[in-house]
Amino acid sequence: MKIMISRFIAIIILVIPGFLAMIGFLMMKDAFFSYIAVHGDDQVTNPSFEWLHFGGGLLLFGIGISFLGGWILFRDRKRNYVGPRFKKKRPAKPDTTAQT
């Protein structure tokens, strides 16, 4: 039962950033769509882009995707699935043959 609860908590931890990324994408899409849709309306003389709405969506999308990407990279490093470019850097060994 303890493993089941811990896995459920892990799923919740991954679902929340996924929802943040989804909400951010939808906010950006809505801001862009409303700007394009206003151009077809003859009653609006000066259409403006909703920069605050778009920026908030971009921020939420970036936070969610970066968390999920970092989690996947951490898991793949732990299981040794990544290429040499993404492996952790090891500190250089001191040269024992150097004379002082």
PDB file of N, CA and C in Angstrom:
ATOM      1  N   MET A   1       0.817  -1.196   0.000  1.00  0.00           N
ATOM      2  CA  MET A   1       0.000   0.000   0.000  1.00  0.00           C
ATOM      3  C   MET A   1       0.859   1.258   0.000  1.00  0.00           C
ATOM      4  N   LYS A   2       2.021   1.198   0.674  1.00  0.00           N
ATOM      5  CA  LYS A   2       2.898   2.357   0.741  1.00  0.00           C
ATOM      6  C   LYS A   2       3.468   2.708  -0.637  1.00  0.00           C
ATOM      7  N   ILE A   3       3.799   1.697  -1.437  1.00  0.00           N
ATOM      8  CA  ILE A   3       4.313   1.934  -2.787  1.00  0.00           C
ATOM      9  C   ILE A   3       3.241   2.568  -3.661  1.00  0.00           C
ATOM     10  N   MET A   4       2.015   2.129  -3.490  1.00  0.00           N
ATOM     11  CA  MET A   4       0.921   2.671  -4.295  1.00  0.00           C
ATOM     12  C   MET A   4       0.700   4.157  -3.994  1.00  0.00           C
ATOM     13  N   ILE A   5       0.788   4.532  -2.728  1.00  0.00           N
ATOM     14  CA  ILE A   5       0.606   5.935  -2.367  1.00  0.00           C
ATOM     15  C   ILE A   5       1.758   6.780  -2.890  1.00  0.00           C
ATOM     16  N   SER A   6       2.991   6.264  -2.794  1.00  0.00           N
ATOM     17  CA  SER A   6       4.137   7.030  -3.278  1.00  0.00           C
ATOM     18  C   SER A   6       4.095   7.186  -4.801  1.00  0.00           C
ATOM     19  N   ARG A   7       3.633   6.181  -5.509  1.00  0.00           N
ATOM     20  CA  ARG A   7       3.499   6.313  -6.971  1.00  0.00           C
ATOM     21  C   ARG A   7       2.394   7.293  -7.344  1.00  0.00           C
ATOM     22  N   PHE A   8       1.323   7.307  -6.569  1.00  0.00           N
ATOM     23  CA  PHE A   8       0.249   8.262  -6.812  1.00  0.00           C
ATOM     24  C   PHE A   8       0.747   9.692  -6.599  1.00  0.00           C
ATOM     25  N   ILE A   9       1.541   9.911  -5.561  1.00  0.00           N
ATOM     26  CA  ILE A   9       2.117  11.237  -5.313  1.00  0.00           C
ATOM     27  C   ILE A   9       3.058  11.632  -6.443  1.00  0.00           C
ATOM     28  N   ALA A  10       3.845  10.664  -6.949  1.00  0.00           N
ATOM     29  CA  ALA A  10       4.746  10.953  -8.063  1.00  0.00           C
ATOM     30  C   ALA A  10       3.965  11.341  -9.313  1.00  0.00           C
ATOM     31  N   ILE A  11       2.864  10.672  -9.566  1.00  0.00           N
ATOM     32  CA  ILE A  11       2.034  11.015 -10.729  1.00  0.00           C
ATOM     33  C   ILE A  11       1.462  12.415 -10.571  1.00  0.00           C
ATOM     34  N   ILE A  12       1.012  12.758  -9.380  1.00  0.00           N
ATOM     35  CA  ILE A  12       0.466  14.096  -9.134  1.00  0.00           C
ATOM     36  C   ILE A  12       1.542  15.153  -9.354  1.00  0.00           C
ATOM     37  N   ILE A  13       2.767  14.867  -8.907  1.00  0.00           N
ATOM     38  CA  ILE A  13       3.864  15.822  -9.093  1.00  0.00           C
ATOM     39  C   ILE A  13       4.157  16.045 -10.570  1.00  0.00           C
ATOM     40  N   LEU A  14       3.955  15.032 -11.402  1.00  0.00           N
ATOM     41  CA  LEU A  14       4.180  15.195 -12.839  1.00  0.00           C
ATOM     42  C   LEU A  14       2.972  15.769 -13.570  1.00  0.00           C
ATOM     43  N   VAL A  15       1.778  15.556 -13.053  1.00  0.00           N
ATOM     44  CA  VAL A  15       0.578  16.048 -13.728  1.00  0.00           C
ATOM     45  C   VAL A  15       0.426  17.554 -13.569  1.00  0.00           C
ATOM     46  N   ILE A  16       0.805  18.098 -12.417  1.00  0.00           N
ATOM     47  CA  ILE A  16       0.638  19.534 -12.168  1.00  0.00           C
ATOM     48  C   ILE A  16       1.441  20.375 -13.168  1.00  0.00           C
ATOM     49  N   PRO A  17       2.736  20.091 -13.419  1.00  0.00           N
ATOM     50  CA  PRO A  17       3.431  20.868 -14.447  1.00  0.00           C
ATOM     51  C   PRO A  17       2.864  20.650 -15.855  1.00  0.00           C
ATOM     52  N   GLY A  18       2.330  19.463 -16.102  1.00  0.00           N
ATOM     53  CA  GLY A  18       1.685  19.217 -17.391  1.00  0.00           C
ATOM     54  C   GLY A  18       0.459  20.104 -17.574  1.00  0.00           C
ATOM     55  N   PHE A  19      -0.328  20.253 -16.519  1.00  0.00           N
ATOM     56  CA  PHE A  19      -1.490  21.150 -16.584  1.00  0.00           C
ATOM     57  C   PHE A  19      -1.053  22.608 -16.737  1.00  0.00           C
ATOM     58  N   LEU A  20       0.027  22.993 -16.054  1.00  0.00           N
ATOM     59  CA  LEU A  20       0.541  24.359 -16.209  1.00  0.00           C
ATOM     60  C   LEU A  20       0.942  24.625 -17.661  1.00  0.00           C
ATOM     61  N   ALA A  21       1.643  23.666 -18.258  1.00  0.00           N
ATOM     62  CA  ALA A  21       2.058  23.828 -19.652  1.00  0.00           C
ATOM     63  C   ALA A  21       0.840  23.891 -20.581  1.00  0.00           C
ATOM     64  N   MET A  22      -0.162  23.077 -20.299  1.00  0.00           N
ATOM     65  CA  MET A  22      -1.371  23.079 -21.129  1.00  0.00           C
ATOM     66  C   MET A  22      -2.108  24.408 -21.014  1.00  0.00           C
ATOM     67  N   ILE A  23      -2.254  24.909 -19.794  1.00  0.00           N
ATOM     68  CA  ILE A  23      -2.946  26.188 -19.585  1.00  0.00           C
ATOM     69  C   ILE A  23      -2.168  27.324 -20.247  1.00  0.00           C
ATOM     70  N   GLY A  24      -0.835  27.287 -20.144  1.00  0.00           N
ATOM     71  CA  GLY A  24      -0.012  28.307 -20.787  1.00  0.00           C
ATOM     72  C   GLY A  24      -0.156  28.284 -22.297  1.00  0.00           C
ATOM     73  N   PHE A  25      -0.164  27.087 -22.880  1.00  0.00           N
ATOM     74  CA  PHE A  25      -0.343  26.981 -24.327  1.00  0.00           C
ATOM     75  C   PHE A  25      -1.707  27.523 -24.739  1.00  0.00           C
ATOM     76  N   LEU A  26      -2.745  27.196 -23.980  1.00  0.00           N
ATOM     77  CA  LEU A  26      -4.084  27.683 -24.317  1.00  0.00           C
ATOM     78  C   LEU A  26      -4.185  29.200 -24.180  1.00  0.00           C
ATOM     79  N   MET A  27      -3.501  29.772 -23.170  1.00  0.00           N
ATOM     80  CA  MET A  27      -3.510  31.236 -23.016  1.00  0.00           C
ATOM     81  C   MET A  27      -2.829  31.909 -24.209  1.00  0.00           C
ATOM     82  N   MET A  28      -1.703  31.354 -24.661  1.00  0.00           N
ATOM     83  CA  MET A  28      -1.022  31.926 -25.826  1.00  0.00           C
ATOM     84  C   MET A  28      -1.875  31.795 -27.076  1.00  0.00           C
ATOM     85  N   LYS A  29      -2.506  30.636 -27.237  1.00  0.00           N
ATOM     86  CA  LYS A  29      -3.368  30.407 -28.399  1.00  0.00           C
ATOM     87  C   LYS A  29      -4.551  31.367 -28.406  1.00  0.00           C
ATOM     88  N   ASP A  30      -5.163  31.572 -27.254  1.00  0.00           N
ATOM     89  CA  ASP A  30      -6.314  32.473 -27.162  1.00  0.00           C
ATOM     90  C   ASP A  30      -5.919  33.923 -27.459  1.00  0.00           C
ATOM     91  N   ALA A  31      -4.769  34.351 -26.958  1.00  0.00           N
ATOM     92  CA  ALA A  31      -4.319  35.722 -27.216  1.00  0.00           C
ATOM     93  C   ALA A  31      -4.063  35.922 -28.711  1.00  0.00           C
ATOM     94  N   PHE A  32      -3.410  34.953 -29.321  1.00  0.00           N
ATOM     95  CA  PHE A  32      -3.116  35.059 -30.753  1.00  0.00           C
ATOM     96  C   PHE A  32      -4.401  34.994 -31.579  1.00  0.00           C
ATOM     97  N   PHE A  33      -5.305  34.086 -31.232  1.00  0.00           N
ATOM     98  CA  PHE A  33      -6.550  33.941 -31.980  1.00  0.00           C
ATOM     99  C   PHE A  33      -7.422  35.184 -31.856  1.00  0.00           C
ATOM    100  N   SER A  34      -7.514  35.753 -30.664  1.00  0.00           N
ATOM    101  CA  SER A  34      -8.358  36.942 -30.512  1.00  0.00           C
ATOM    102  C   SER A  34      -7.789  38.124 -31.295  1.00  0.00           C
ATOM    103  N   TYR A  35      -6.465  38.219 -31.390  1.00  0.00           N
ATOM    104  CA  TYR A  35      -5.856  39.286 -32.187  1.00  0.00           C
ATOM    105  C   TYR A  35      -6.170  39.102 -33.673  1.00  0.00           C
ATOM    106  N   ILE A  36      -6.092  37.868 -34.152  1.00  0.00           N
ATOM    107  CA  ILE A  36      -6.393  37.600 -35.562  1.00  0.00           C
ATOM    108  C   ILE A  36      -7.888  37.785 -35.826  1.00  0.00           C
ATOM    109  N   ALA A  37      -8.747  37.363 -34.892  1.00  0.00           N
ATOM    110  CA  ALA A  37     -10.194  37.453 -35.088  1.00  0.00           C
ATOM    111  C   ALA A  37     -10.675  38.896 -35.111  1.00  0.00           C
ATOM    112  N   VAL A  38     -10.020  39.787 -34.378  1.00  0.00           N
ATOM    113  CA  VAL A  38     -10.438  41.188 -34.335  1.00  0.00           C
ATOM    114  C   VAL A  38     -10.196  41.859 -35.684  1.00  0.00           C
ATOM    115  N   HIS A  39      -9.243  41.379 -36.458  1.00  0.00           N
ATOM    116  CA  HIS A  39      -8.966  41.984 -37.761  1.00  0.00           C
ATOM    117  C   HIS A  39     -10.130  41.816 -38.738  1.00  0.00           C
ATOM    118  N   GLY A  40     -10.973  40.821 -38.518  1.00  0.00           N
ATOM    119  CA  GLY A  40     -12.127  40.636 -39.387  1.00  0.00           C
ATOM    120  C   GLY A  40     -13.325  41.461 -38.974  1.00  0.00           C
ATOM    121  N   ASP A  41     -13.276  42.105 -37.812  1.00  0.00           N
ATOM    122  CA  ASP A  41     -14.383  42.907 -37.306  1.00  0.00           C
ATOM    123  C   ASP A  41     -14.227  44.355 -37.793  1.00  0.00           C
ATOM    124  N   ASP A  42     -15.219  44.857 -38.510  1.00  0.00           N
ATOM    125  CA  ASP A  42     -15.141  46.218 -39.056  1.00  0.00           C
ATOM    126  C   ASP A  42     -15.392  47.288 -37.999  1.00  0.00           C
ATOM    127  N   GLN A  43     -15.990  46.949 -36.876  1.00  0.00           N
ATOM    128  CA  GLN A  43     -16.316  47.939 -35.861  1.00  0.00           C
ATOM    129  C   GLN A  43     -15.114  48.319 -35.001  1.00  0.00           C
ATOM    130  N   VAL A  44     -14.099  47.461 -34.949  1.00  0.00           N
ATOM    131  CA  VAL A  44     -12.903  47.757 -34.149  1.00  0.00           C
ATOM    132  C   VAL A  44     -11.921  48.506 -35.041  1.00  0.00           C
ATOM    133  N   THR A  45     -11.530  49.699 -34.606  1.00  0.00           N
ATOM    134  CA  THR A  45     -10.648  50.516 -35.439  1.00  0.00           C
ATOM    135  C   THR A  45      -9.174  50.221 -35.188  1.00  0.00           C
ATOM    136  N   ASN A  46      -8.800  49.941 -33.957  1.00  0.00           N
ATOM    137  CA  ASN A  46      -7.396  49.730 -33.638  1.00  0.00           C
ATOM    138  C   ASN A  46      -7.245  48.443 -32.814  1.00  0.00           C
ATOM    139  N   PRO A  47      -7.032  47.300 -33.478  1.00  0.00           N
ATOM    140  CA  PRO A  47      -6.877  46.059 -32.711  1.00  0.00           C
ATOM    141  C   PRO A  47      -5.537  46.048 -31.976  1.00  0.00           C
ATOM    142  N   SER A  48      -5.538  45.528 -30.765  1.00  0.00           N
ATOM    143  CA  SER A  48      -4.295  45.448 -29.995  1.00  0.00           C
ATOM    144  C   SER A  48      -4.066  44.003 -29.561  1.00  0.00           C
ATOM    145  N   PHE A  49      -2.810  43.672 -29.453  1.00  0.00           N
ATOM    146  CA  PHE A  49      -2.421  42.331 -29.041  1.00  0.00           C
ATOM    147  C   PHE A  49      -2.374  42.270 -27.518  1.00  0.00           C
ATOM    148  N   GLU A  50      -2.863  41.189 -26.932  1.00  0.00           N
ATOM    149  CA  GLU A  50      -2.882  41.019 -25.479  1.00  0.00           C
ATOM    150  C   GLU A  50      -1.536  40.475 -25.016  1.00  0.00           C
ATOM    151  N   TRP A  51      -0.575  41.376 -24.841  1.00  0.00           N
ATOM    152  CA  TRP A  51       0.778  40.961 -24.496  1.00  0.00           C
ATOM    153  C   TRP A  51       0.858  40.343 -23.104  1.00  0.00           C
ATOM    154  N   LEU A  52       0.109  40.865 -22.159  1.00  0.00           N
ATOM    155  CA  LEU A  52       0.160  40.337 -20.801  1.00  0.00           C
ATOM    156  C   LEU A  52      -0.390  38.912 -20.754  1.00  0.00           C
ATOM    157  N   HIS A  53      -1.471  38.676 -21.451  1.00  0.00           N
ATOM    158  CA  HIS A  53      -2.064  37.337 -21.527  1.00  0.00           C
ATOM    159  C   HIS A  53      -1.103  36.370 -22.212  1.00  0.00           C
ATOM    160  N   PHE A  54      -0.510  36.804 -23.307  1.00  0.00           N
ATOM    161  CA  PHE A  54       0.429  35.965 -24.048  1.00  0.00           C
ATOM    162  C   PHE A  54       1.691  35.704 -23.222  1.00  0.00           C
ATOM    163  N   GLY A  55       2.216  36.728 -22.558  1.00  0.00           N
ATOM    164  CA  GLY A  55       3.424  36.564 -21.740  1.00  0.00           C
ATOM    165  C   GLY A  55       3.199  35.643 -20.549  1.00  0.00           C
ATOM    166  N   GLY A  56       2.042  35.754 -19.910  1.00  0.00           N
ATOM    167  CA  GLY A  56       1.713  34.848 -18.811  1.00  0.00           C
ATOM    168  C   GLY A  56       1.604  33.410 -19.281  1.00  0.00           C
ATOM    169  N   GLY A  57       1.019  33.225 -20.447  1.00  0.00           N
ATOM    170  CA  GLY A  57       0.931  31.879 -21.021  1.00  0.00           C
ATOM    171  C   GLY A  57       2.298  31.326 -21.380  1.00  0.00           C
ATOM    172  N   LEU A  58       3.152  32.189 -21.912  1.00  0.00           N
ATOM    173  CA  LEU A  58       4.506  31.758 -22.254  1.00  0.00           C
ATOM    174  C   LEU A  58       5.284  31.364 -21.000  1.00  0.00           C
ATOM    175  N   LEU A  59       5.094  32.118 -19.928  1.00  0.00           N
ATOM    176  CA  LEU A  59       5.762  31.810 -18.666  1.00  0.00           C
ATOM    177  C   LEU A  59       5.271  30.467 -18.106  1.00  0.00           C
ATOM    178  N   LEU A  60       3.964  30.263 -18.074  1.00  0.00           N
ATOM    179  CA  LEU A  60       3.425  28.996 -17.577  1.00  0.00           C
ATOM    180  C   LEU A  60       3.876  27.824 -18.438  1.00  0.00           C
ATOM    181  N   PHE A  61       3.862  28.008 -19.748  1.00  0.00           N
ATOM    182  CA  PHE A  61       4.289  26.948 -20.662  1.00  0.00           C
ATOM    183  C   PHE A  61       5.761  26.616 -20.444  1.00  0.00           C
ATOM    184  N   GLY A  62       6.590  27.644 -20.306  1.00  0.00           N
ATOM    185  CA  GLY A  62       8.026  27.418 -20.100  1.00  0.00           C
ATOM    186  C   GLY A  62       8.311  26.711 -18.787  1.00  0.00           C
ATOM    187  N   ILE A  63       7.622  27.093 -17.720  1.00  0.00           N
ATOM    188  CA  ILE A  63       7.830  26.454 -16.421  1.00  0.00           C
ATOM    189  C   ILE A  63       7.428  24.980 -16.477  1.00  0.00           C
ATOM    190  N   GLY A  64       6.273  24.710 -17.052  1.00  0.00           N
ATOM    191  CA  GLY A  64       5.793  23.324 -17.109  1.00  0.00           C
ATOM    192  C   GLY A  64       6.672  22.432 -17.966  1.00  0.00           C
ATOM    193  N   ILE A  65       7.040  22.903 -19.137  1.00  0.00           N
ATOM    194  CA  ILE A  65       7.855  22.095 -20.037  1.00  0.00           C
ATOM    195  C   ILE A  65       9.265  21.915 -19.489  1.00  0.00           C
ATOM    196  N   SER A  66       9.834  22.954 -18.885  1.00  0.00           N
ATOM    197  CA  SER A  66      11.189  22.805 -18.353  1.00  0.00           C
ATOM    198  C   SER A  66      11.218  21.840 -17.171  1.00  0.00           C
ATOM    199  N   PHE A  67      10.183  21.838 -16.323  1.00  0.00           N
ATOM    200  CA  PHE A  67      10.133  20.874 -15.231  1.00  0.00           C
ATOM    201  C   PHE A  67      10.046  19.454 -15.772  1.00  0.00           C
ATOM    202  N   LEU A  68       9.162  19.238 -16.728  1.00  0.00           N
ATOM    203  CA  LEU A  68       9.015  17.886 -17.290  1.00  0.00           C
ATOM    204  C   LEU A  68      10.281  17.450 -18.019  1.00  0.00           C
ATOM    205  N   GLY A  69      10.887  18.352 -18.775  1.00  0.00           N
ATOM    206  CA  GLY A  69      12.132  18.014 -19.472  1.00  0.00           C
ATOM    207  C   GLY A  69      13.262  17.715 -18.516  1.00  0.00           C
ATOM    208  N   GLY A  70      13.378  18.487 -17.447  1.00  0.00           N
ATOM    209  CA  GLY A  70      14.407  18.232 -16.448  1.00  0.00           C
ATOM    210  C   GLY A  70      14.194  16.911 -15.732  1.00  0.00           C
ATOM    211  N   TRP A  71      12.942  16.575 -15.465  1.00  0.00           N
ATOM    212  CA  TRP A  71      12.648  15.307 -14.804  1.00  0.00           C
ATOM    213  C   TRP A  71      13.014  14.141 -15.717  1.00  0.00           C
ATOM    214  N   ILE A  72      12.700  14.248 -16.996  1.00  0.00           N
ATOM    215  CA  ILE A  72      13.034  13.183 -17.943  1.00  0.00           C
ATOM    216  C   ILE A  72      14.546  13.051 -18.088  1.00  0.00           C
ATOM    217  N   LEU A  73      15.263  14.175 -18.165  1.00  0.00           N
ATOM    218  CA  LEU A  73      16.725  14.125 -18.268  1.00  0.00           C
ATOM    219  C   LEU A  73      17.333  13.504 -17.011  1.00  0.00           C
ATOM    220  N   PHE A  74      16.853  13.870 -15.828  1.00  0.00           N
ATOM    221  CA  PHE A  74      17.351  13.300 -14.578  1.00  0.00           C
ATOM    222  C   PHE A  74      17.133  11.790 -14.543  1.00  0.00           C
ATOM    223  N   ARG A  75      15.937  11.347 -14.943  1.00  0.00           N
ATOM    224  CA  ARG A  75      15.626   9.917 -14.943  1.00  0.00           C
ATOM    225  C   ARG A  75      16.488   9.159 -15.948  1.00  0.00           C
ATOM    226  N   ASP A  76      16.676   9.731 -17.142  1.00  0.00           N
ATOM    227  CA  ASP A  76      17.483   9.060 -18.151  1.00  0.00           C
ATOM    228  C   ASP A  76      18.963   9.037 -17.786  1.00  0.00           C
ATOM    229  N   ARG A  77      19.457  10.079 -17.113  1.00  0.00           N
ATOM    230  CA  ARG A  77      20.843  10.051 -16.634  1.00  0.00           C
ATOM    231  C   ARG A  77      21.033   8.957 -15.594  1.00  0.00           C
ATOM    232  N   LYS A  78      20.051   8.804 -14.731  1.00  0.00           N
ATOM    233  CA  LYS A  78      20.138   7.800 -13.680  1.00  0.00           C
ATOM    234  C   LYS A  78      20.153   6.393 -14.272  1.00  0.00           C
ATOM    235  N   ARG A  79      19.419   6.185 -15.343  1.00  0.00           N
ATOM    236  CA  ARG A  79      19.353   4.865 -15.981  1.00  0.00           C
ATOM    237  C   ARG A  79      20.371   4.700 -17.100  1.00  0.00           C
ATOM    238  N   ASN A  80      21.205   5.701 -17.317  1.00  0.00           N
ATOM    239  CA  ASN A  80      22.276   5.681 -18.318  1.00  0.00           C
ATOM    240  C   ASN A  80      21.722   5.522 -19.746  1.00  0.00           C
ATOM    241  N   TYR A  81      20.659   6.272 -20.050  1.00  0.00           N
ATOM    242  CA  TYR A  81      20.057   6.239 -21.379  1.00  0.00           C
ATOM    243  C   TYR A  81      20.512   7.402 -22.261  1.00  0.00           C
ATOM    244  N   VAL A  82      21.261   8.332 -21.730  1.00  0.00           N
ATOM    245  CA  VAL A  82      21.612   9.537 -22.474  1.00  0.00           C
ATOM    246  C   VAL A  82      22.946   9.362 -23.183  1.00  0.00           C
ATOM    247  N   GLY A  83      23.139  10.191 -24.197  1.00  0.00           N
ATOM    248  CA  GLY A  83      24.391  10.179 -24.927  1.00  0.00           C
ATOM    249  C   GLY A  83      25.483  10.893 -24.159  1.00  0.00           C
ATOM    250  N   PRO A  84      26.694  10.869 -24.688  1.00  0.00           N
ATOM    251  CA  PRO A  84      27.816  11.481 -23.972  1.00  0.00           C
ATOM    252  C   PRO A  84      27.666  12.983 -23.782  1.00  0.00           C
ATOM    253  N   ARG A  85      26.926  13.634 -24.632  1.00  0.00           N
ATOM    254  CA  ARG A  85      26.735  15.077 -24.516  1.00  0.00           C
ATOM    255  C   ARG A  85      25.996  15.460 -23.235  1.00  0.00           C
ATOM    256  N   PHE A  86      25.068  14.612 -22.774  1.00  0.00           N
ATOM    257  CA  PHE A  86      24.225  14.930 -21.633  1.00  0.00           C
ATOM    258  C   PHE A  86      24.643  14.228 -20.346  1.00  0.00           C
ATOM    259  N   LYS A  87      25.755  13.505 -20.380  1.00  0.00           N
ATOM    260  CA  LYS A  87      26.221  12.858 -19.150  1.00  0.00           C
ATOM    261  C   LYS A  87      26.789  13.902 -18.208  1.00  0.00           C
ATOM    262  N   LYS A  88      26.759  13.600 -16.909  1.00  0.00           N
ATOM    263  CA  LYS A  88      27.309  14.528 -15.928  1.00  0.00           C
ATOM    264  C   LYS A  88      28.814  14.626 -16.103  1.00  0.00           C
ATOM    265  N   LYS A  89      29.317  15.827 -15.936  1.00  0.00           N
ATOM    266  CA  LYS A  89      30.749  16.058 -16.052  1.00  0.00           C
ATOM    267  C   LYS A  89      31.431  15.573 -14.774  1.00  0.00           C
ATOM    268  N   ARG A  90      32.507  14.805 -14.942  1.00  0.00           N
ATOM    269  CA  ARG A  90      33.274  14.325 -13.796  1.00  0.00           C
ATOM    270  C   ARG A  90      34.474  15.231 -13.595  1.00  0.00           C
ATOM    271  N   PRO A  91      34.828  15.456 -12.338  1.00  0.00           N
ATOM    272  CA  PRO A  91      36.015  16.286 -12.100  1.00  0.00           C
ATOM    273  C   PRO A  91      37.273  15.572 -12.587  1.00  0.00           C
ATOM    274  N   ALA A  92      38.220  16.352 -13.083  1.00  0.00           N
ATOM    275  CA  ALA A  92      39.462  15.776 -13.601  1.00  0.00           C
ATOM    276  C   ALA A  92      40.272  15.205 -12.453  1.00  0.00           C
ATOM    277  N   LYS A  93      40.912  14.058 -12.711  1.00  0.00           N
ATOM    278  CA  LYS A  93      41.751  13.444 -11.695  1.00  0.00           C
ATOM    279  C   LYS A  93      43.067  14.211 -11.599  1.00  0.00           C
ATOM    280  N   PRO A  94      43.588  14.354 -10.400  1.00  0.00           N
ATOM    281  CA  PRO A  94      44.891  15.059 -10.285  1.00  0.00           C
ATOM    282  C   PRO A  94      45.999  14.225 -10.906  1.00  0.00           C
ATOM    283  N   ASP A  95      46.926  14.904 -11.539  1.00  0.00           N
ATOM    284  CA  ASP A  95      48.033  14.245 -12.208  1.00  0.00           C
ATOM    285  C   ASP A  95      49.067  13.825 -11.166  1.00  0.00           C
ATOM    286  N   THR A  96      49.249  12.528 -10.992  1.00  0.00           N
ATOM    287  CA  THR A  96      50.200  12.042  -9.973  1.00  0.00           C
ATOM    288  C   THR A  96      51.610  11.924 -10.517  1.00  0.00           C
ATOM    289  N   THR A  97      51.777  12.054 -11.836  1.00  0.00           N
ATOM    290  CA  THR A  97      53.113  11.914 -12.411  1.00  0.00           C
ATOM    291  C   THR A  97      53.865  13.237 -12.462  1.00  0.00           C
ATOM    292  N   ALA A  98      53.212  14.321 -12.132  1.00  0.00           N
ATOM    293  CA  ALA A  98      53.890  15.626 -12.186  1.00  0.00           C
ATOM    294  C   ALA A  98      54.885  15.732 -11.050  1.00  0.00           C
ATOM    295  N   GLN A  99      56.037  16.295 -11.378  1.00  0.00           N
ATOM    296  CA  GLN A  99      57.090  16.453 -10.373  1.00  0.00           C
ATOM    297  C   GLN A  99      57.022  17.858  -9.809  1.00  0.00           C
ATOM    298  N   THR A 100      57.229  17.951  -8.503  1.00  0.00           N
ATOM    299  CA  THR A 100      57.190  19.272  -7.866  1.00  0.00           C
ATOM    300  C   THR A 100      58.548  19.751  -7.481  1.00  0.00           C
TER     301      THR A 100
END
